[in-house]
PDB file of N, CA and C in Angstrom:
ATOM      1  N   MET A   1      64.552 -13.404  96.797  1.00  0.00           N
ATOM      2  CA  MET A   1      63.482 -13.448  95.839  1.00  0.00           C
ATOM      3  C   MET A   1      63.051 -12.027  95.514  1.00  0.00           C
ATOM      4  N   THR A   2      62.873 -11.760  94.246  1.00  0.00           N
ATOM      5  CA  THR A   2      62.409 -10.431  93.865  1.00  0.00           C
ATOM      6  C   THR A   2      60.900 -10.429  93.786  1.00  0.00           C
ATOM      7  N   SER A   3      60.344  -9.257  93.650  1.00  0.00           N
ATOM      8  CA  SER A   3      58.885  -9.157  93.621  1.00  0.00           C
ATOM      9  C   SER A   3      58.310  -9.792  92.361  1.00  0.00           C
ATOM     10  N   ASP A   4      59.068  -9.757  91.247  1.00  0.00           N
ATOM     11  CA  ASP A   4      58.587 -10.397  90.012  1.00  0.00           C
ATOM     12  C   ASP A   4      58.513 -11.910  90.180  1.00  0.00           C
ATOM     13  N   THR A   5      59.488 -12.493  90.844  1.00  0.00           N
ATOM     14  CA  THR A   5      59.514 -13.931  91.043  1.00  0.00           C
ATOM     15  C   THR A   5      58.388 -14.360  91.974  1.00  0.00           C
ATOM     16  N   SER A   6      58.174 -13.606  93.052  1.00  0.00           N
ATOM     17  CA  SER A   6      57.112 -13.977  93.987  1.00  0.00           C
ATOM     18  C   SER A   6      55.734 -13.787  93.355  1.00  0.00           C
ATOM     19  N   PHE A   7      55.622 -12.777  92.468  1.00  0.00           N
ATOM     20  CA  PHE A   7      54.344 -12.573  91.779  1.00  0.00           C
ATOM     21  C   PHE A   7      54.051 -13.736  90.835  1.00  0.00           C
ATOM     22  N   SER A   8      55.032 -14.153  90.062  1.00  0.00           N
ATOM     23  CA  SER A   8      54.802 -15.247  89.115  1.00  0.00           C
ATOM     24  C   SER A   8      54.560 -16.564  89.863  1.00  0.00           C
ATOM     25  N   LEU A   9      55.235 -16.769  90.988  1.00  0.00           N
ATOM     26  CA  LEU A   9      55.006 -17.961  91.795  1.00  0.00           C
ATOM     27  C   LEU A   9      53.585 -17.954  92.346  1.00  0.00           C
ATOM     28  N   SER A  10      53.108 -16.805  92.768  1.00  0.00           N
ATOM     29  CA  SER A  10      51.741 -16.692  93.278  1.00  0.00           C
ATOM     30  C   SER A  10      50.723 -16.984  92.182  1.00  0.00           C
ATOM     31  N   VAL A  11      50.994 -16.513  90.981  1.00  0.00           N
ATOM     32  CA  VAL A  11      50.084 -16.761  89.860  1.00  0.00           C
ATOM     33  C   VAL A  11      50.056 -18.251  89.529  1.00  0.00           C
ATOM     34  N   ILE A  12      51.204 -18.895  89.534  1.00  0.00           N
ATOM     35  CA  ILE A  12      51.272 -20.334  89.243  1.00  0.00           C
ATOM     36  C   ILE A  12      50.501 -21.124  90.297  1.00  0.00           C
ATOM     37  N   ILE A  13      50.674 -20.781  91.553  1.00  0.00           N
ATOM     38  CA  ILE A  13      49.959 -21.476  92.633  1.00  0.00           C
ATOM     39  C   ILE A  13      48.454 -21.255  92.510  1.00  0.00           C
ATOM     40  N   ALA A  14      48.041 -20.045  92.159  1.00  0.00           N
ATOM     41  CA  ALA A  14      46.614 -19.747  91.992  1.00  0.00           C
ATOM     42  C   ALA A  14      46.028 -20.543  90.828  1.00  0.00           C
ATOM     43  N   LEU A  15      46.750 -20.622  89.733  1.00  0.00           N
ATOM     44  CA  LEU A  15      46.276 -21.381  88.579  1.00  0.00           C
ATOM     45  C   LEU A  15      46.185 -22.872  88.899  1.00  0.00           C
ATOM     46  N   LEU A  16      47.153 -23.401  89.611  1.00  0.00           N
ATOM     47  CA  LEU A  16      47.098 -24.802  90.020  1.00  0.00           C
ATOM     48  C   LEU A  16      45.886 -25.059  90.915  1.00  0.00           C
ATOM     49  N   GLY A  17      45.622 -24.144  91.822  1.00  0.00           N
ATOM     50  CA  GLY A  17      44.457 -24.272  92.690  1.00  0.00           C
ATOM     51  C   GLY A  17      43.158 -24.272  91.893  1.00  0.00           C
ATOM     52  N   CYS A  18      43.086 -23.435  90.871  1.00  0.00           N
ATOM     53  CA  CYS A  18      41.901 -23.399  90.014  1.00  0.00           C
ATOM     54  C   CYS A  18      41.719 -24.720  89.281  1.00  0.00           C
ATOM     55  N   PHE A  19      42.817 -25.264  88.746  1.00  0.00           N
ATOM     56  CA  PHE A  19      42.718 -26.534  88.032  1.00  0.00           C
ATOM     57  C   PHE A  19      42.323 -27.682  88.953  1.00  0.00           C
ATOM     58  N   VAL A  20      42.853 -27.693  90.161  1.00  0.00           N
ATOM     59  CA  VAL A  20      42.489 -28.746  91.117  1.00  0.00           C
ATOM     60  C   VAL A  20      41.008 -28.624  91.492  1.00  0.00           C
ATOM     61  N   GLY A  21      40.559 -27.408  91.724  1.00  0.00           N
ATOM     62  CA  GLY A  21      39.147 -27.190  92.053  1.00  0.00           C
ATOM     63  C   GLY A  21      38.230 -27.585  90.902  1.00  0.00           C
ATOM     64  N   LEU A  22      38.605 -27.245  89.686  1.00  0.00           N
ATOM     65  CA  LEU A  22      37.811 -27.598  88.520  1.00  0.00           C
ATOM     66  C   LEU A  22      37.766 -29.107  88.325  1.00  0.00           C
ATOM     67  N   ALA A  23      38.895 -29.773  88.530  1.00  0.00           N
ATOM     68  CA  ALA A  23      38.936 -31.236  88.388  1.00  0.00           C
ATOM     69  C   ALA A  23      38.033 -31.896  89.433  1.00  0.00           C
ATOM     70  N   GLY A  24      38.044 -31.392  90.653  1.00  0.00           N
ATOM     71  CA  GLY A  24      37.174 -31.931  91.702  1.00  0.00           C
ATOM     72  C   GLY A  24      35.707 -31.718  91.382  1.00  0.00           C
ATOM     73  N   TRP A  25      35.375 -30.560  90.836  1.00  0.00           N
ATOM     74  CA  TRP A  25      33.987 -30.270  90.486  1.00  0.00           C
ATOM     75  C   TRP A  25      33.520 -31.195  89.365  1.00  0.00           C
ATOM     76  N   ILE A  26      34.367 -31.397  88.355  1.00  0.00           N
ATOM     77  CA  ILE A  26      34.004 -32.272  87.231  1.00  0.00           C
ATOM     78  C   ILE A  26      33.825 -33.710  87.711  1.00  0.00           C
ATOM     79  N   ARG A  27      34.710 -34.164  88.580  1.00  0.00           N
ATOM     80  CA  ARG A  27      34.598 -35.537  89.091  1.00  0.00           C
ATOM     81  C   ARG A  27      33.300 -35.711  89.891  1.00  0.00           C
ATOM     82  N   GLY A  28      32.974 -34.746  90.728  1.00  0.00           N
ATOM     83  CA  GLY A  28      31.735 -34.810  91.501  1.00  0.00           C
ATOM     84  C   GLY A  28      30.511 -34.793  90.615  1.00  0.00           C
ATOM     85  N   ARG A  29      30.567 -33.980  89.562  1.00  0.00           N
ATOM     86  CA  ARG A  29      29.452 -33.908  88.622  1.00  0.00           C
ATOM     87  C   ARG A  29      29.270 -35.241  87.902  1.00  0.00           C
ATOM     88  N   ASP A  30      30.374 -35.842  87.453  1.00  0.00           N
ATOM     89  CA  ASP A  30      30.298 -37.134  86.761  1.00  0.00           C
ATOM     90  C   ASP A  30      29.746 -38.217  87.680  1.00  0.00           C
ATOM     91  N   THR A  31      30.173 -38.210  88.936  1.00  0.00           N
ATOM     92  CA  THR A  31      29.668 -39.194  89.908  1.00  0.00           C
ATOM     93  C   THR A  31      28.169 -39.013  90.115  1.00  0.00           C
ATOM     94  N   ARG A  32      27.739 -37.768  90.203  1.00  0.00           N
ATOM     95  CA  ARG A  32      26.318 -37.482  90.394  1.00  0.00           C
ATOM     96  C   ARG A  32      25.504 -37.935  89.179  1.00  0.00           C
ATOM     97  N   ILE A  33      26.041 -37.723  87.984  1.00  0.00           N
ATOM     98  CA  ILE A  33      25.348 -38.144  86.758  1.00  0.00           C
ATOM     99  C   ILE A  33      25.223 -39.664  86.724  1.00  0.00           C
ATOM    100  N   ILE A  34      26.286 -40.370  87.092  1.00  0.00           N
ATOM    101  CA  ILE A  34      26.255 -41.832  87.100  1.00  0.00           C
ATOM    102  C   ILE A  34      25.223 -42.337  88.100  1.00  0.00           C
ATOM    103  N   ASN A  35      25.205 -41.752  89.291  1.00  0.00           N
ATOM    104  CA  ASN A  35      24.240 -42.180  90.313  1.00  0.00           C
ATOM    105  C   ASN A  35      22.805 -41.899  89.869  1.00  0.00           C
ATOM    106  N   ASP A  36      22.581 -40.748  89.236  1.00  0.00           N
ATOM    107  CA  ASP A  36      21.242 -40.426  88.751  1.00  0.00           C
ATOM    108  C   ASP A  36      20.816 -41.406  87.665  1.00  0.00           C
ATOM    109  N   SER A  37      21.750 -41.782  86.802  1.00  0.00           N
ATOM    110  CA  SER A  37      21.427 -42.728  85.732  1.00  0.00           C
ATOM    111  C   SER A  37      21.048 -44.087  86.295  1.00  0.00           C
ATOM    112  N   GLU A  38      21.789 -44.538  87.305  1.00  0.00           N
ATOM    113  CA  GLU A  38      21.472 -45.820  87.936  1.00  0.00           C
ATOM    114  C   GLU A  38      20.092 -45.771  88.580  1.00  0.00           C
ATOM    115  N   TRP A  39      19.786 -44.681  89.250  1.00  0.00           N
ATOM    116  CA  TRP A  39      18.487 -44.532  89.913  1.00  0.00           C
ATOM    117  C   TRP A  39      17.362 -44.544  88.887  1.00  0.00           C
ATOM    118  N   LYS A  40      17.536 -43.797  87.786  1.00  0.00           N
ATOM    119  CA  LYS A  40      16.508 -43.763  86.749  1.00  0.00           C
ATOM    120  C   LYS A  40      16.326 -45.131  86.121  1.00  0.00           C
ATOM    121  N   GLY A  41      17.422 -45.866  85.958  1.00  0.00           N
ATOM    122  CA  GLY A  41      17.327 -47.214  85.409  1.00  0.00           C
ATOM    123  C   GLY A  41      16.528 -48.131  86.314  1.00  0.00           C
ATOM    124  N   MET A  42      16.744 -48.021  87.618  1.00  0.00           N
ATOM    125  CA  MET A  42      15.981 -48.849  88.559  1.00  0.00           C
ATOM    126  C   MET A  42      14.503 -48.485  88.527  1.00  0.00           C
ATOM    127  N   VAL A  43      14.194 -47.197  88.464  1.00  0.00           N
ATOM    128  CA  VAL A  43      12.800 -46.756  88.420  1.00  0.00           C
ATOM    129  C   VAL A  43      12.140 -47.259  87.140  1.00  0.00           C
ATOM    130  N   ASN A  44      12.854 -47.136  86.009  1.00  0.00           N
ATOM    131  CA  ASN A  44      12.281 -47.612  84.745  1.00  0.00           C
ATOM    132  C   ASN A  44      12.053 -49.116  84.774  1.00  0.00           C
ATOM    133  N   ALA A  45      12.976 -49.858  85.376  1.00  0.00           N
ATOM    134  CA  ALA A  45      12.812 -51.309  85.460  1.00  0.00           C
ATOM    135  C   ALA A  45      11.592 -51.661  86.311  1.00  0.00           C
ATOM    136  N   LYS A  46      11.404 -50.954  87.410  1.00  0.00           N
ATOM    137  CA  LYS A  46      10.240 -51.220  88.265  1.00  0.00           C
ATOM    138  C   LYS A  46       8.943 -50.863  87.554  1.00  0.00           C
ATOM    139  N   LEU A  47       8.951 -49.760  86.797  1.00  0.00           N
ATOM    140  CA  LEU A  47       7.749 -49.388  86.051  1.00  0.00           C
ATOM    141  C   LEU A  47       7.449 -50.412  84.962  1.00  0.00           C
ATOM    142  N   ASP A  48       8.487 -50.869  84.270  1.00  0.00           N
ATOM    143  CA  ASP A  48       8.281 -51.896  83.245  1.00  0.00           C
ATOM    144  C   ASP A  48       7.712 -53.173  83.855  1.00  0.00           C
ATOM    145  N   MET A  49       8.217 -53.532  85.016  1.00  0.00           N
ATOM    146  CA  MET A  49       7.720 -54.730  85.684  1.00  0.00           C
ATOM    147  C   MET A  49       6.251 -54.540  86.090  1.00  0.00           C
ATOM    148  N   ALA A  50       5.923 -53.365  86.611  1.00  0.00           N
ATOM    149  CA  ALA A  50       4.545 -53.097  87.025  1.00  0.00           C
ATOM    150  C   ALA A  50       3.610 -53.115  85.818  1.00  0.00           C
ATOM    151  N   ILE A  51       4.056 -52.550  84.701  1.00  0.00           N
ATOM    152  CA  ILE A  51       3.227 -52.556  83.492  1.00  0.00           C
ATOM    153  C   ILE A  51       3.058 -53.986  82.988  1.00  0.00           C
ATOM    154  N   GLY A  52       4.125 -54.777  83.078  1.00  0.00           N
ATOM    155  CA  GLY A  52       4.042 -56.182  82.665  1.00  0.00           C
ATOM    156  C   GLY A  52       3.074 -56.955  83.536  1.00  0.00           C
ATOM    157  N   LEU A  53       3.082 -56.698  84.831  1.00  0.00           N
ATOM    158  CA  LEU A  53       2.129 -57.355  85.735  1.00  0.00           C
ATOM    159  C   LEU A  53       0.709 -56.941  85.406  1.00  0.00           C
ATOM    160  N   ARG A  54       0.534 -55.686  85.067  1.00  0.00           N
ATOM    161  CA  ARG A  54      -0.799 -55.180  84.709  1.00  0.00           C
ATOM    162  C   ARG A  54      -1.310 -55.899  83.453  1.00  0.00           C
ATOM    163  N   LYS A  55      -0.421 -56.033  82.469  1.00  0.00           N
ATOM    164  CA  LYS A  55      -0.818 -56.715  81.228  1.00  0.00           C
ATOM    165  C   LYS A  55      -1.151 -58.183  81.506  1.00  0.00           C
ATOM    166  N   ASP A  56      -0.336 -58.828  82.358  1.00  0.00           N
ATOM    167  CA  ASP A  56      -0.606 -60.226  82.721  1.00  0.00           C
ATOM    168  C   ASP A  56      -1.952 -60.335  83.426  1.00  0.00           C
ATOM    169  N   HIS A  57      -2.246 -59.394  84.288  1.00  0.00           N
ATOM    170  CA  HIS A  57      -3.513 -59.391  85.021  1.00  0.00           C
ATOM    171  C   HIS A  57      -4.685 -59.216  84.065  1.00  0.00           C
ATOM    172  N   ASP A  58      -4.530 -58.313  83.128  1.00  0.00           N
ATOM    173  CA  ASP A  58      -5.609 -58.081  82.156  1.00  0.00           C
ATOM    174  C   ASP A  58      -5.840 -59.316  81.276  1.00  0.00           C
ATOM    175  N   GLU A  59      -4.763 -60.021  80.942  1.00  0.00           N
ATOM    176  CA  GLU A  59      -4.884 -61.211  80.104  1.00  0.00           C
ATOM    177  C   GLU A  59      -5.595 -62.346  80.854  1.00  0.00           C
ATOM    178  N   LEU A  60      -5.372 -62.425  82.163  1.00  0.00           N
ATOM    179  CA  LEU A  60      -6.042 -63.465  82.952  1.00  0.00           C
ATOM    180  C   LEU A  60      -7.518 -63.182  83.021  1.00  0.00           C
TER     181      LEU A  60
END
């Protein structure tokens, strides 16, 4: 192997590592966004229910 071949192989391996790391970061970010959305949806549903109970109480 010549030094040019080993250099280009090293660059290819480094670039692949960057792409794998970036893909992992994006996947983790998407998972976190989905979990946050589910949590916010549950909180909003509970608040809507509490407001509905308040309105029912006021009507009684």
